[in-house]
Structures are given as structure tokens and as C-alpha cells.
Amino acid sequence: MSKISEGSFYKCEKLHCIDFPSESELVTIEDRSLMETKLKSIFIPHSVTRFNKDSFDVRSFIIVECDKPFLMQIIREISIYLIRKTVFMVPC
């Protein structure tokens, strides 16, 4: 799978955790793919290069883990105002 399509998990209240393997081929997380979920944590592999501010519109506490430090910075810039309580984790 190379993308999470627009609206894939829209209002999926049973979705609590997404954990892609580091070797995942995921490249794109499209708009509104995780909107209005009950997501608590997500691991974003280094292969992800395309997403935007509407990809991560979640409304609850979330832990975001990333493979690369630059990816964490991008996510912070575009989504921090959409997430009320967020913890970002990036390996050193």
C-alpha cells in the first residue's frame, strides 16, 4: 500500500492506533483520511513524503512517532493547531 486515500478512516471511532513498519512503502496520507477518529497513536514511517494539514484532524490526545526528525518538524508545522494534545516522538 502506498497511500491512505482521502476519507479512508473518516469518523472511524474504533481506530485507536496506527503502526506502520519502518520498511513500509506508504508515501501519501491524503486529506481527511484520519478526520474525526479516536486515534491515540500513530507511527509514521520515513517513506511518507506527502500529507497536509487536513490529513491529521484528530480531536483527542495523540502520540505521533516518526522515523526521521525532518518529518516531525513538517508535521508540527502543519498540524499542531489541529490537535489539542499531542506528543511528538522522534528517534535520536
N, C-alpha and C. Protein backbone atom coordinates (compact mmCIF):
# COMPACT_ATOMS: atom_id res chain seq x y z
N MET A 1 0.84 -1.17 0.00
CA MET A 1 0.00 0.00 0.00
C MET A 1 0.89 1.24 0.00
N SER A 2 0.65 2.15 -0.93
CA SER A 2 1.48 3.35 -1.00
C SER A 2 0.76 4.60 -0.52
N LYS A 3 -0.56 4.51 -0.27
CA LYS A 3 -1.25 5.70 0.23
C LYS A 3 -2.46 5.32 1.08
N ILE A 4 -2.81 6.25 1.96
CA ILE A 4 -4.08 6.18 2.68
C ILE A 4 -4.96 7.19 1.96
N SER A 5 -5.99 6.72 1.32
CA SER A 5 -6.82 7.56 0.46
C SER A 5 -7.67 8.54 1.25
N GLU A 6 -8.08 9.60 0.58
CA GLU A 6 -8.91 10.64 1.18
C GLU A 6 -10.14 10.04 1.83
N GLY A 7 -10.35 10.39 3.09
CA GLY A 7 -11.53 9.95 3.82
C GLY A 7 -11.54 8.48 4.22
N SER A 8 -10.43 7.78 4.09
CA SER A 8 -10.39 6.34 4.37
C SER A 8 -10.90 5.96 5.75
N PHE A 9 -10.51 6.71 6.77
CA PHE A 9 -10.90 6.38 8.14
C PHE A 9 -11.79 7.46 8.75
N TYR A 10 -12.47 8.21 7.93
CA TYR A 10 -13.34 9.29 8.40
C TYR A 10 -14.36 8.76 9.39
N LYS A 11 -14.38 9.37 10.57
CA LYS A 11 -15.30 9.02 11.65
C LYS A 11 -15.18 7.56 12.09
N CYS A 12 -14.02 6.99 11.95
CA CYS A 12 -13.79 5.61 12.39
C CYS A 12 -13.47 5.64 13.88
N GLU A 13 -14.48 5.53 14.70
CA GLU A 13 -14.32 5.68 16.13
C GLU A 13 -13.61 4.51 16.80
N LYS A 14 -13.46 3.40 16.11
CA LYS A 14 -12.76 2.25 16.69
C LYS A 14 -11.28 2.24 16.33
N LEU A 15 -10.85 3.22 15.56
CA LEU A 15 -9.44 3.32 15.20
C LEU A 15 -8.70 4.05 16.33
N HIS A 16 -7.79 3.33 17.00
CA HIS A 16 -7.08 3.90 18.13
C HIS A 16 -5.58 3.99 17.92
N CYS A 17 -5.04 3.13 17.05
CA CYS A 17 -3.59 3.08 16.87
C CYS A 17 -3.27 2.69 15.43
N ILE A 18 -2.28 3.38 14.84
CA ILE A 18 -1.77 3.02 13.52
C ILE A 18 -0.26 2.86 13.68
N ASP A 19 0.23 1.70 13.32
CA ASP A 19 1.65 1.41 13.48
C ASP A 19 2.18 0.74 12.22
N PHE A 20 2.68 1.54 11.29
CA PHE A 20 3.27 1.00 10.07
C PHE A 20 4.68 0.54 10.36
N PRO A 21 5.12 -0.55 9.75
CA PRO A 21 6.51 -0.97 9.94
C PRO A 21 7.46 0.05 9.32
N SER A 22 8.66 0.12 9.82
CA SER A 22 9.65 1.06 9.30
C SER A 22 9.91 0.87 7.82
N GLU A 23 9.81 -0.36 7.35
CA GLU A 23 10.06 -0.65 5.94
C GLU A 23 8.82 -0.49 5.07
N SER A 24 7.79 0.13 5.59
CA SER A 24 6.55 0.35 4.84
C SER A 24 6.79 1.13 3.55
N GLU A 25 5.94 0.90 2.57
CA GLU A 25 6.02 1.62 1.29
C GLU A 25 5.02 2.77 1.24
N LEU A 26 4.44 3.12 2.37
CA LEU A 26 3.48 4.21 2.42
C LEU A 26 4.17 5.53 2.06
N VAL A 27 3.59 6.26 1.11
CA VAL A 27 4.17 7.52 0.65
C VAL A 27 3.24 8.69 0.93
N THR A 28 1.93 8.48 0.79
CA THR A 28 0.97 9.57 0.85
C THR A 28 -0.12 9.31 1.89
N ILE A 29 -0.40 10.33 2.69
CA ILE A 29 -1.56 10.33 3.58
C ILE A 29 -2.43 11.48 3.10
N GLU A 30 -3.52 11.15 2.42
CA GLU A 30 -4.35 12.17 1.76
C GLU A 30 -5.24 12.93 2.74
N ASP A 31 -5.83 14.01 2.23
CA ASP A 31 -6.71 14.87 3.02
C ASP A 31 -7.80 14.08 3.72
N ARG A 32 -8.09 14.51 4.92
CA ARG A 32 -9.21 13.99 5.69
C ARG A 32 -9.21 12.48 5.86
N SER A 33 -8.06 11.85 5.72
CA SER A 33 -8.01 10.39 5.84
C SER A 33 -8.16 9.94 7.30
N LEU A 34 -7.82 10.81 8.25
CA LEU A 34 -7.92 10.46 9.67
C LEU A 34 -8.79 11.44 10.44
N MET A 35 -9.70 12.11 9.77
CA MET A 35 -10.56 13.10 10.42
C MET A 35 -11.59 12.44 11.33
N GLU A 36 -11.79 13.07 12.48
CA GLU A 36 -12.80 12.68 13.45
C GLU A 36 -12.69 11.21 13.86
N THR A 37 -11.45 10.80 14.13
CA THR A 37 -11.22 9.45 14.64
C THR A 37 -10.96 9.52 16.13
N LYS A 38 -10.79 8.40 16.75
CA LYS A 38 -10.41 8.32 18.17
C LYS A 38 -8.95 7.90 18.28
N LEU A 39 -8.17 8.26 17.28
CA LEU A 39 -6.77 7.87 17.19
C LEU A 39 -5.99 8.36 18.41
N LYS A 40 -5.23 7.45 19.00
CA LYS A 40 -4.41 7.79 20.17
C LYS A 40 -2.92 7.79 19.84
N SER A 41 -2.52 7.00 18.85
CA SER A 41 -1.10 6.99 18.48
C SER A 41 -0.95 6.57 17.03
N ILE A 42 0.12 7.10 16.41
CA ILE A 42 0.44 6.76 15.03
C ILE A 42 1.95 6.76 14.87
N PHE A 43 2.46 5.76 14.18
CA PHE A 43 3.87 5.73 13.81
C PHE A 43 3.93 6.02 12.32
N ILE A 44 4.64 7.07 11.93
CA ILE A 44 4.74 7.48 10.53
C ILE A 44 6.12 7.07 10.01
N PRO A 45 6.16 6.14 9.06
CA PRO A 45 7.45 5.68 8.55
C PRO A 45 8.15 6.74 7.70
N HIS A 46 9.47 6.58 7.53
CA HIS A 46 10.26 7.56 6.78
C HIS A 46 9.87 7.65 5.32
N SER A 47 9.14 6.66 4.81
CA SER A 47 8.73 6.67 3.41
C SER A 47 7.65 7.72 3.10
N VAL A 48 6.96 8.19 4.13
CA VAL A 48 5.89 9.17 3.91
C VAL A 48 6.50 10.51 3.53
N THR A 49 6.10 11.02 2.38
CA THR A 49 6.62 12.31 1.91
C THR A 49 5.50 13.29 1.57
N ARG A 50 4.27 12.81 1.50
CA ARG A 50 3.17 13.71 1.13
C ARG A 50 2.00 13.59 2.09
N PHE A 51 1.66 14.71 2.69
CA PHE A 51 0.47 14.86 3.52
C PHE A 51 0.28 16.35 3.72
N ASN A 52 -0.84 16.75 4.27
CA ASN A 52 -1.02 18.17 4.55
C ASN A 52 -1.83 18.37 5.82
N LYS A 53 -2.17 19.60 6.08
CA LYS A 53 -2.81 19.93 7.36
C LYS A 53 -4.13 19.23 7.58
N ASP A 54 -4.80 18.80 6.55
CA ASP A 54 -6.09 18.14 6.72
C ASP A 54 -5.96 16.63 6.87
N SER A 55 -4.77 16.09 6.83
CA SER A 55 -4.59 14.65 6.98
C SER A 55 -4.80 14.18 8.42
N PHE A 56 -4.41 15.01 9.39
CA PHE A 56 -4.38 14.61 10.79
C PHE A 56 -5.35 15.40 11.65
N ASP A 57 -6.54 15.57 11.23
CA ASP A 57 -7.52 16.33 12.01
C ASP A 57 -8.17 15.43 13.04
N VAL A 58 -7.46 15.16 14.11
CA VAL A 58 -7.99 14.34 15.18
C VAL A 58 -8.34 15.23 16.36
N ARG A 59 -9.21 14.77 17.23
CA ARG A 59 -9.74 15.63 18.29
C ARG A 59 -9.36 15.21 19.70
N SER A 60 -8.48 14.22 19.83
CA SER A 60 -8.15 13.76 21.17
C SER A 60 -6.64 13.67 21.33
N PHE A 61 -6.21 13.23 22.48
CA PHE A 61 -4.78 13.07 22.76
C PHE A 61 -4.16 12.12 21.74
N ILE A 62 -3.00 12.46 21.23
CA ILE A 62 -2.36 11.60 20.24
C ILE A 62 -0.84 11.64 20.44
N ILE A 63 -0.23 10.48 20.23
CA ILE A 63 1.22 10.36 20.23
C ILE A 63 1.64 10.10 18.78
N VAL A 64 2.52 10.95 18.25
CA VAL A 64 2.99 10.81 16.88
C VAL A 64 4.46 10.42 16.93
N GLU A 65 4.79 9.25 16.40
CA GLU A 65 6.18 8.81 16.30
C GLU A 65 6.59 8.88 14.84
N CYS A 66 7.81 9.34 14.59
CA CYS A 66 8.30 9.49 13.23
C CYS A 66 9.67 8.83 13.09
N ASP A 67 9.95 8.38 11.88
CA ASP A 67 11.25 7.78 11.59
C ASP A 67 12.36 8.82 11.41
N LYS A 68 12.02 9.98 10.93
CA LYS A 68 13.04 10.99 10.63
C LYS A 68 12.71 12.31 11.33
N PRO A 69 13.72 12.98 11.86
CA PRO A 69 13.48 14.25 12.54
C PRO A 69 12.82 15.31 11.64
N PHE A 70 13.19 15.37 10.36
CA PHE A 70 12.61 16.40 9.50
C PHE A 70 11.11 16.16 9.31
N LEU A 71 10.68 14.92 9.33
CA LEU A 71 9.27 14.61 9.19
C LEU A 71 8.49 15.13 10.39
N MET A 72 9.06 14.99 11.58
CA MET A 72 8.41 15.52 12.77
C MET A 72 8.21 17.03 12.67
N GLN A 73 9.21 17.72 12.17
CA GLN A 73 9.11 19.17 12.02
C GLN A 73 7.99 19.55 11.06
N ILE A 74 7.89 18.85 9.97
CA ILE A 74 6.83 19.13 8.99
C ILE A 74 5.46 18.91 9.61
N ILE A 75 5.31 17.80 10.30
CA ILE A 75 4.02 17.51 10.94
C ILE A 75 3.68 18.59 11.96
N ARG A 76 4.65 19.00 12.75
CA ARG A 76 4.39 20.05 13.74
C ARG A 76 3.92 21.33 13.06
N GLU A 77 4.56 21.71 11.99
CA GLU A 77 4.21 22.95 11.31
C GLU A 77 2.81 22.95 10.74
N ILE A 78 2.37 21.81 10.20
CA ILE A 78 1.08 21.83 9.52
C ILE A 78 -0.08 21.34 10.36
N SER A 79 0.19 20.65 11.48
CA SER A 79 -0.94 20.05 12.17
C SER A 79 -1.06 20.38 13.64
N ILE A 80 -0.10 21.03 14.24
CA ILE A 80 -0.15 21.24 15.68
C ILE A 80 -1.40 22.02 16.10
N TYR A 81 -1.86 22.94 15.27
CA TYR A 81 -3.04 23.70 15.63
C TYR A 81 -4.32 22.89 15.47
N LEU A 82 -4.25 21.74 14.82
CA LEU A 82 -5.43 20.90 14.67
C LEU A 82 -5.58 19.89 15.79
N ILE A 83 -4.50 19.64 16.51
CA ILE A 83 -4.51 18.61 17.54
C ILE A 83 -4.41 19.27 18.90
N ARG A 84 -5.35 19.03 19.76
CA ARG A 84 -5.39 19.70 21.06
C ARG A 84 -4.26 19.26 21.99
N LYS A 85 -4.02 17.97 22.08
CA LYS A 85 -2.98 17.45 22.95
C LYS A 85 -2.14 16.47 22.14
N THR A 86 -0.88 16.82 21.94
CA THR A 86 -0.03 15.99 21.09
C THR A 86 1.33 15.80 21.72
N VAL A 87 1.87 14.59 21.58
CA VAL A 87 3.23 14.29 21.94
C VAL A 87 3.91 13.80 20.68
N PHE A 88 5.01 14.44 20.27
CA PHE A 88 5.77 14.00 19.10
C PHE A 88 7.01 13.26 19.57
N MET A 89 7.28 12.11 18.99
CA MET A 89 8.45 11.32 19.36
C MET A 89 9.26 11.01 18.12
N VAL A 90 10.55 11.34 18.14
CA VAL A 90 11.45 11.10 17.02
C VAL A 90 12.73 10.50 17.59
N PRO A 91 13.21 9.40 16.98
CA PRO A 91 14.44 8.81 17.49
C PRO A 91 15.64 9.73 17.29
N CYS A 92 16.61 9.66 18.20
CA CYS A 92 17.82 10.49 18.09
C CYS A 92 18.74 9.95 17.03
